[in-house]
Amino acid sequence: IADEEVLIEIAKQAGLDVNEFQGDLYSPSAI
């Protein structure tokens, strides 16, 4: 679950906005 592709798939399964999640993953807001 440190693999970005795995995390994106998890985001899909969880019903998240995947594009938004990808943009937020390493964002200052998340950090």
All heavy atoms as atom14 arrays in JSON, in Angstrom:
{
  "sequence": "IADEEVLIEIAKQAGLDVNEFQGDLYSPSAI",
  "atom14_mask": [
    [1, 1, 1, 1, 1, 1, 1, 1, 0, 0, 0, 0, 0, 0],
    [1, 1, 1, 1, 1, 0, 0, 0, 0, 0, 0, 0, 0, 0],
    [1, 1, 1, 1, 1, 1, 1, 1, 0, 0, 0, 0, 0, 0],
    [1, 1, 1, 1, 1, 1, 1, 1, 1, 0, 0, 0, 0, 0],
    [1, 1, 1, 1, 1, 1, 1, 1, 1, 0, 0, 0, 0, 0],
    [1, 1, 1, 1, 1, 1, 1, 0, 0, 0, 0, 0, 0, 0],
    [1, 1, 1, 1, 1, 1, 1, 1, 0, 0, 0, 0, 0, 0],
    [1, 1, 1, 1, 1, 1, 1, 1, 0, 0, 0, 0, 0, 0],
    [1, 1, 1, 1, 1, 1, 1, 1, 1, 0, 0, 0, 0, 0],
    [1, 1, 1, 1, 1, 1, 1, 1, 0, 0, 0, 0, 0, 0],
    [1, 1, 1, 1, 1, 0, 0, 0, 0, 0, 0, 0, 0, 0],
    [1, 1, 1, 1, 1, 1, 1, 1, 1, 0, 0, 0, 0, 0],
    [1, 1, 1, 1, 1, 1, 1, 1, 1, 0, 0, 0, 0, 0],
    [1, 1, 1, 1, 1, 0, 0, 0, 0, 0, 0, 0, 0, 0],
    [1, 1, 1, 1, 0, 0, 0, 0, 0, 0, 0, 0, 0, 0],
    [1, 1, 1, 1, 1, 1, 1, 1, 0, 0, 0, 0, 0, 0],
    [1, 1, 1, 1, 1, 1, 1, 1, 0, 0, 0, 0, 0, 0],
    [1, 1, 1, 1, 1, 1, 1, 0, 0, 0, 0, 0, 0, 0],
    [1, 1, 1, 1, 1, 1, 1, 1, 0, 0, 0, 0, 0, 0],
    [1, 1, 1, 1, 1, 1, 1, 1, 1, 0, 0, 0, 0, 0],
    [1, 1, 1, 1, 1, 1, 1, 1, 1, 1, 1, 0, 0, 0],
    [1, 1, 1, 1, 1, 1, 1, 1, 1, 0, 0, 0, 0, 0],
    [1, 1, 1, 1, 0, 0, 0, 0, 0, 0, 0, 0, 0, 0],
    [1, 1, 1, 1, 1, 1, 1, 1, 0, 0, 0, 0, 0, 0],
    [1, 1, 1, 1, 1, 1, 1, 1, 0, 0, 0, 0, 0, 0],
    [1, 1, 1, 1, 1, 1, 1, 1, 1, 1, 1, 1, 0, 0],
    [1, 1, 1, 1, 1, 1, 0, 0, 0, 0, 0, 0, 0, 0],
    [1, 1, 1, 1, 1, 1, 1, 0, 0, 0, 0, 0, 0, 0],
    [1, 1, 1, 1, 1, 1, 0, 0, 0, 0, 0, 0, 0, 0],
    [1, 1, 1, 1, 1, 0, 0, 0, 0, 0, 0, 0, 0, 0],
    [1, 1, 1, 1, 1, 1, 1, 1, 0, 0, 0, 0, 0, 0]
  ],
  "atom14_positions": [
    [[0.81, -1.21, 0.0], [0.0, 0.0, 0.0], [0.85, 1.27, 0.0], [0.34, 2.36, 0.23], [-0.98, 0.02, 1.19], [-0.25, -0.17, 2.52], [-2.06, -1.05, 1.01], [-1.14, 0.0, 3.74], [0.0, 0.0, 0.0], [0.0, 0.0, 0.0], [0.0, 0.0, 0.0], [0.0, 0.0, 0.0], [0.0, 0.0, 0.0], [0.0, 0.0, 0.0]],
    [[2.13, 1.12, -0.28], [2.97, 2.29, -0.54], [3.07, 2.55, -2.04], [3.59, 3.59, -2.46], [4.36, 2.08, 0.04], [0.0, 0.0, 0.0], [0.0, 0.0, 0.0], [0.0, 0.0, 0.0], [0.0, 0.0, 0.0], [0.0, 0.0, 0.0], [0.0, 0.0, 0.0], [0.0, 0.0, 0.0], [0.0, 0.0, 0.0], [0.0, 0.0, 0.0]],
    [[2.57, 1.62, -2.85], [2.6, 1.74, -4.3], [1.47, 2.66, -4.75], [0.3, 2.44, -4.41], [2.44, 0.35, -4.92], [2.6, 0.37, -6.43], [1.84, 1.1, -7.1], [3.48, -0.35, -6.94], [0.0, 0.0, 0.0], [0.0, 0.0, 0.0], [0.0, 0.0, 0.0], [0.0, 0.0, 0.0], [0.0, 0.0, 0.0], [0.0, 0.0, 0.0]],
    [[1.79, 3.68, -5.51], [0.79, 4.67, -5.91], [-0.34, 4.06, -6.73], [-1.51, 4.44, -6.59], [1.45, 5.81, -6.69], [0.5, 6.96, -6.98], [1.2, 8.18, -7.55], [2.43, 8.32, -7.34], [0.52, 8.99, -8.2], [0.0, 0.0, 0.0], [0.0, 0.0, 0.0], [0.0, 0.0, 0.0], [0.0, 0.0, 0.0], [0.0, 0.0, 0.0]],
    [[-0.03, 3.09, -7.59], [-1.08, 2.45, -8.39], [-2.05, 1.68, -7.5], [-3.26, 1.68, -7.75], [-0.45, 1.49, -9.42], [0.31, 2.21, -10.53], [0.82, 1.24, -11.58], [0.49, 0.03, -11.52], [1.54, 1.7, -12.49], [0.0, 0.0, 0.0], [0.0, 0.0, 0.0], [0.0, 0.0, 0.0], [0.0, 0.0, 0.0], [0.0, 0.0, 0.0]],
    [[-1.54, 1.04, -6.46], [-2.4, 0.34, -5.5], [-3.29, 1.34, -4.78], [-4.5, 1.11, -4.61], [-1.55, -0.46, -4.49], [-2.44, -1.03, -3.37], [-0.8, -1.58, -5.19], [0.0, 0.0, 0.0], [0.0, 0.0, 0.0], [0.0, 0.0, 0.0], [0.0, 0.0, 0.0], [0.0, 0.0, 0.0], [0.0, 0.0, 0.0], [0.0, 0.0, 0.0]],
    [[-2.75, 2.46, -4.38], [-3.51, 3.48, -3.67], [-4.61, 4.07, -4.55], [-5.72, 4.34, -4.07], [-2.58, 4.59, -3.18], [-1.58, 4.18, -2.09], [-0.57, 5.3, -1.84], [-2.31, 3.82, -0.8], [0.0, 0.0, 0.0], [0.0, 0.0, 0.0], [0.0, 0.0, 0.0], [0.0, 0.0, 0.0], [0.0, 0.0, 0.0], [0.0, 0.0, 0.0]],
    [[-4.32, 4.26, -5.81], [-5.33, 4.78, -6.74], [-6.47, 3.79, -6.89], [-7.65, 4.17, -6.92], [-4.68, 5.11, -8.1], [-3.75, 6.32, -7.97], [-5.76, 5.38, -9.16], [-2.9, 6.58, -9.19], [0.0, 0.0, 0.0], [0.0, 0.0, 0.0], [0.0, 0.0, 0.0], [0.0, 0.0, 0.0], [0.0, 0.0, 0.0], [0.0, 0.0, 0.0]],
    [[-6.15, 2.51, -6.98], [-7.19, 1.48, -7.08], [-8.04, 1.45, -5.81], [-9.26, 1.28, -5.87], [-6.55, 0.11, -7.32], [-7.54, -1.03, -7.44], [-8.55, -0.84, -8.56], [-8.21, -0.23, -9.59], [-9.7, -1.3, -8.38], [0.0, 0.0, 0.0], [0.0, 0.0, 0.0], [0.0, 0.0, 0.0], [0.0, 0.0, 0.0], [0.0, 0.0, 0.0]],
    [[-7.4, 1.63, -4.66], [-8.14, 1.68, -3.39], [-9.09, 2.88, -3.39], [-10.24, 2.78, -2.95], [-7.17, 1.76, -2.2], [-6.39, 0.45, -2.07], [-7.91, 2.07, -0.91], [-5.27, 0.51, -1.05], [0.0, 0.0, 0.0], [0.0, 0.0, 0.0], [0.0, 0.0, 0.0], [0.0, 0.0, 0.0], [0.0, 0.0, 0.0], [0.0, 0.0, 0.0]],
    [[-8.62, 4.01, -3.89], [-9.46, 5.2, -3.98], [-10.69, 4.94, -4.84], [-11.8, 5.38, -4.52], [-8.65, 6.37, -4.51], [0.0, 0.0, 0.0], [0.0, 0.0, 0.0], [0.0, 0.0, 0.0], [0.0, 0.0, 0.0], [0.0, 0.0, 0.0], [0.0, 0.0, 0.0], [0.0, 0.0, 0.0], [0.0, 0.0, 0.0], [0.0, 0.0, 0.0]],
    [[-10.5, 4.22, -5.95], [-11.64, 3.86, -6.81], [-12.63, 3.0, -6.06], [-13.84, 3.24, -6.09], [-11.14, 3.1, -8.06], [-10.37, 3.94, -9.06], [-9.9, 3.07, -10.23], [-9.08, 3.87, -11.22], [-8.56, 3.01, -12.32], [0.0, 0.0, 0.0], [0.0, 0.0, 0.0], [0.0, 0.0, 0.0], [0.0, 0.0, 0.0], [0.0, 0.0, 0.0]],
    [[-12.13, 1.98, -5.37], [-12.99, 1.07, -4.63], [-13.74, 1.78, -3.51], [-14.87, 1.4, -3.16], [-12.17, -0.08, -4.05], [-11.56, -1.0, -5.09], [-10.68, -2.07, -4.46], [-10.68, -2.29, -3.26], [-9.9, -2.75, -5.3], [0.0, 0.0, 0.0], [0.0, 0.0, 0.0], [0.0, 0.0, 0.0], [0.0, 0.0, 0.0], [0.0, 0.0, 0.0]],
    [[-13.13, 2.81, -2.96], [-13.75, 3.56, -1.87], [-14.72, 4.63, -2.36], [-15.33, 5.33, -1.56], [-12.68, 4.2, -0.99], [0.0, 0.0, 0.0], [0.0, 0.0, 0.0], [0.0, 0.0, 0.0], [0.0, 0.0, 0.0], [0.0, 0.0, 0.0], [0.0, 0.0, 0.0], [0.0, 0.0, 0.0], [0.0, 0.0, 0.0], [0.0, 0.0, 0.0]],
    [[-14.84, 4.77, -3.68], [-15.77, 5.73, -4.25], [-15.29, 7.18, -4.19], [-16.1, 8.1, -4.19], [0.0, 0.0, 0.0], [0.0, 0.0, 0.0], [0.0, 0.0, 0.0], [0.0, 0.0, 0.0], [0.0, 0.0, 0.0], [0.0, 0.0, 0.0], [0.0, 0.0, 0.0], [0.0, 0.0, 0.0], [0.0, 0.0, 0.0], [0.0, 0.0, 0.0]],
    [[-13.98, 7.36, -4.16], [-13.44, 8.72, -4.13], [-13.33, 9.29, -5.54], [-13.37, 8.57, -6.53], [-12.04, 8.71, -3.48], [-11.96, 8.87, -1.96], [-12.68, 7.74, -1.25], [-10.51, 8.95, -1.52], [0.0, 0.0, 0.0], [0.0, 0.0, 0.0], [0.0, 0.0, 0.0], [0.0, 0.0, 0.0], [0.0, 0.0, 0.0], [0.0, 0.0, 0.0]],
    [[-13.2, 10.6, -5.61], [-12.85, 11.26, -6.86], [-11.36, 10.99, -7.08], [-10.51, 11.56, -6.4], [-13.12, 12.77, -6.75], [-12.81, 13.53, -8.04], [-11.77, 13.23, -8.68], [-13.6, 14.41, -8.4], [0.0, 0.0, 0.0], [0.0, 0.0, 0.0], [0.0, 0.0, 0.0], [0.0, 0.0, 0.0], [0.0, 0.0, 0.0], [0.0, 0.0, 0.0]],
    [[-11.05, 10.11, -8.02], [-9.68, 9.62, -8.18], [-8.74, 10.73, -8.63], [-7.6, 10.82, -8.15], [-9.64, 8.44, -9.16], [-8.2, 8.0, -9.42], [-10.45, 7.26, -8.61], [0.0, 0.0, 0.0], [0.0, 0.0, 0.0], [0.0, 0.0, 0.0], [0.0, 0.0, 0.0], [0.0, 0.0, 0.0], [0.0, 0.0, 0.0], [0.0, 0.0, 0.0]],
    [[-9.18, 11.57, -9.54], [-8.33, 12.67, -10.0], [-7.98, 13.62, -8.85], [-6.84, 14.06, -8.72], [-9.02, 13.45, -11.12], [-9.1, 12.64, -12.41], [-8.26, 11.78, -12.67], [-10.13, 12.91, -13.22], [0.0, 0.0, 0.0], [0.0, 0.0, 0.0], [0.0, 0.0, 0.0], [0.0, 0.0, 0.0], [0.0, 0.0, 0.0], [0.0, 0.0, 0.0]],
    [[-8.99, 13.9, -8.04], [-8.76, 14.77, -6.88], [-7.8, 14.09, -5.89], [-6.9, 14.74, -5.34], [-10.09, 15.07, -6.2], [-9.98, 16.07, -5.05], [-11.33, 16.42, -4.46], [-12.35, 16.23, -5.15], [-11.37, 16.86, -3.3], [0.0, 0.0, 0.0], [0.0, 0.0, 0.0], [0.0, 0.0, 0.0], [0.0, 0.0, 0.0], [0.0, 0.0, 0.0]],
    [[-7.99, 12.79, -5.7], [-7.11, 12.05, -4.79], [-5.67, 12.08, -5.26], [-4.75, 12.31, -4.47], [-7.6, 10.61, -4.67], [-6.68, 9.71, -3.88], [-6.64, 9.77, -2.5], [-5.83, 8.82, -4.54], [-5.78, 8.94, -1.77], [-4.97, 7.99, -3.82], [-4.95, 8.06, -2.44], [0.0, 0.0, 0.0], [0.0, 0.0, 0.0], [0.0, 0.0, 0.0]],
    [[-5.46, 11.85, -6.55], [-4.1, 11.88, -7.1], [-3.45, 13.25, -6.9], [-2.27, 13.35, -6.57], [-4.12, 11.53, -8.59], [-4.31, 10.06, -8.88], [-4.24, 9.76, -10.37], [-5.23, 9.89, -11.1], [-3.07, 9.36, -10.82], [0.0, 0.0, 0.0], [0.0, 0.0, 0.0], [0.0, 0.0, 0.0], [0.0, 0.0, 0.0], [0.0, 0.0, 0.0]],
    [[-4.26, 14.3, -7.09], [-3.73, 15.64, -6.92], [-3.4, 15.97, -5.47], [-2.49, 16.75, -5.19], [0.0, 0.0, 0.0], [0.0, 0.0, 0.0], [0.0, 0.0, 0.0], [0.0, 0.0, 0.0], [0.0, 0.0, 0.0], [0.0, 0.0, 0.0], [0.0, 0.0, 0.0], [0.0, 0.0, 0.0], [0.0, 0.0, 0.0], [0.0, 0.0, 0.0]],
    [[-4.14, 15.34, -4.56], [-3.96, 15.62, -3.13], [-2.89, 14.75, -2.47], [-2.43, 15.08, -1.37], [-5.28, 15.41, -2.38], [-6.29, 16.51, -2.65], [-5.87, 17.62, -3.01], [-7.5, 16.24, -2.51], [0.0, 0.0, 0.0], [0.0, 0.0, 0.0], [0.0, 0.0, 0.0], [0.0, 0.0, 0.0], [0.0, 0.0, 0.0], [0.0, 0.0, 0.0]],
    [[-2.52, 13.65, -3.12], [-1.7, 12.64, -2.45], [-0.42, 13.19, -1.84], [-0.09, 12.88, -0.7], [-1.37, 11.51, -3.44], [-0.61, 10.32, -2.86], [-1.29, 9.76, -1.62], [-0.44, 9.23, -3.92], [0.0, 0.0, 0.0], [0.0, 0.0, 0.0], [0.0, 0.0, 0.0], [0.0, 0.0, 0.0], [0.0, 0.0, 0.0], [0.0, 0.0, 0.0]],
    [[0.31, 13.99, -2.58], [1.55, 14.56, -2.05], [1.44, 16.07, -1.87], [2.45, 16.77, -1.83], [2.71, 14.23, -2.98], [2.93, 12.74, -3.17], [2.53, 12.11, -4.35], [3.5, 11.96, -2.17], [2.71, 10.74, -4.53], [3.69, 10.6, -2.33], [3.29, 10.0, -3.52], [3.47, 8.65, -3.68], [0.0, 0.0, 0.0], [0.0, 0.0, 0.0]],
    [[0.22, 16.54, -1.74], [-0.02, 17.99, -1.67], [0.36, 18.56, -0.31], [0.4, 17.84, 0.7], [-1.5, 18.28, -1.94], [-2.3, 17.8, -0.87], [0.0, 0.0, 0.0], [0.0, 0.0, 0.0], [0.0, 0.0, 0.0], [0.0, 0.0, 0.0], [0.0, 0.0, 0.0], [0.0, 0.0, 0.0], [0.0, 0.0, 0.0], [0.0, 0.0, 0.0]],
    [[0.61, 19.86, -0.24], [0.88, 20.51, 1.05], [-0.26, 20.32, 2.04], [-0.02, 20.2, 3.24], [1.04, 21.99, 0.67], [1.49, 21.96, -0.76], [0.78, 20.79, -1.38], [0.0, 0.0, 0.0], [0.0, 0.0, 0.0], [0.0, 0.0, 0.0], [0.0, 0.0, 0.0], [0.0, 0.0, 0.0], [0.0, 0.0, 0.0], [0.0, 0.0, 0.0]],
    [[-1.5, 20.25, 1.55], [-2.65, 20.08, 2.44], [-2.62, 18.73, 3.14], [-2.87, 18.63, 4.35], [-3.96, 20.24, 1.65], [-4.09, 21.53, 1.13], [0.0, 0.0, 0.0], [0.0, 0.0, 0.0], [0.0, 0.0, 0.0], [0.0, 0.0, 0.0], [0.0, 0.0, 0.0], [0.0, 0.0, 0.0], [0.0, 0.0, 0.0], [0.0, 0.0, 0.0]],
    [[-2.32, 17.67, 2.38], [-2.25, 16.33, 2.96], [-1.07, 16.23, 3.94], [-1.2, 15.65, 5.02], [-2.14, 15.28, 1.86], [0.0, 0.0, 0.0], [0.0, 0.0, 0.0], [0.0, 0.0, 0.0], [0.0, 0.0, 0.0], [0.0, 0.0, 0.0], [0.0, 0.0, 0.0], [0.0, 0.0, 0.0], [0.0, 0.0, 0.0], [0.0, 0.0, 0.0]],
    [[0.07, 16.78, 3.54], [1.25, 16.75, 4.41], [0.99, 17.5, 5.71], [1.34, 17.04, 6.8], [2.46, 17.34, 3.67], [2.85, 16.44, 2.48], [3.64, 17.51, 4.61], [3.9, 17.04, 1.56], [0.0, 0.0, 0.0], [0.0, 0.0, 0.0], [0.0, 0.0, 0.0], [0.0, 0.0, 0.0], [0.0, 0.0, 0.0], [0.0, 0.0, 0.0]]
  ]
}
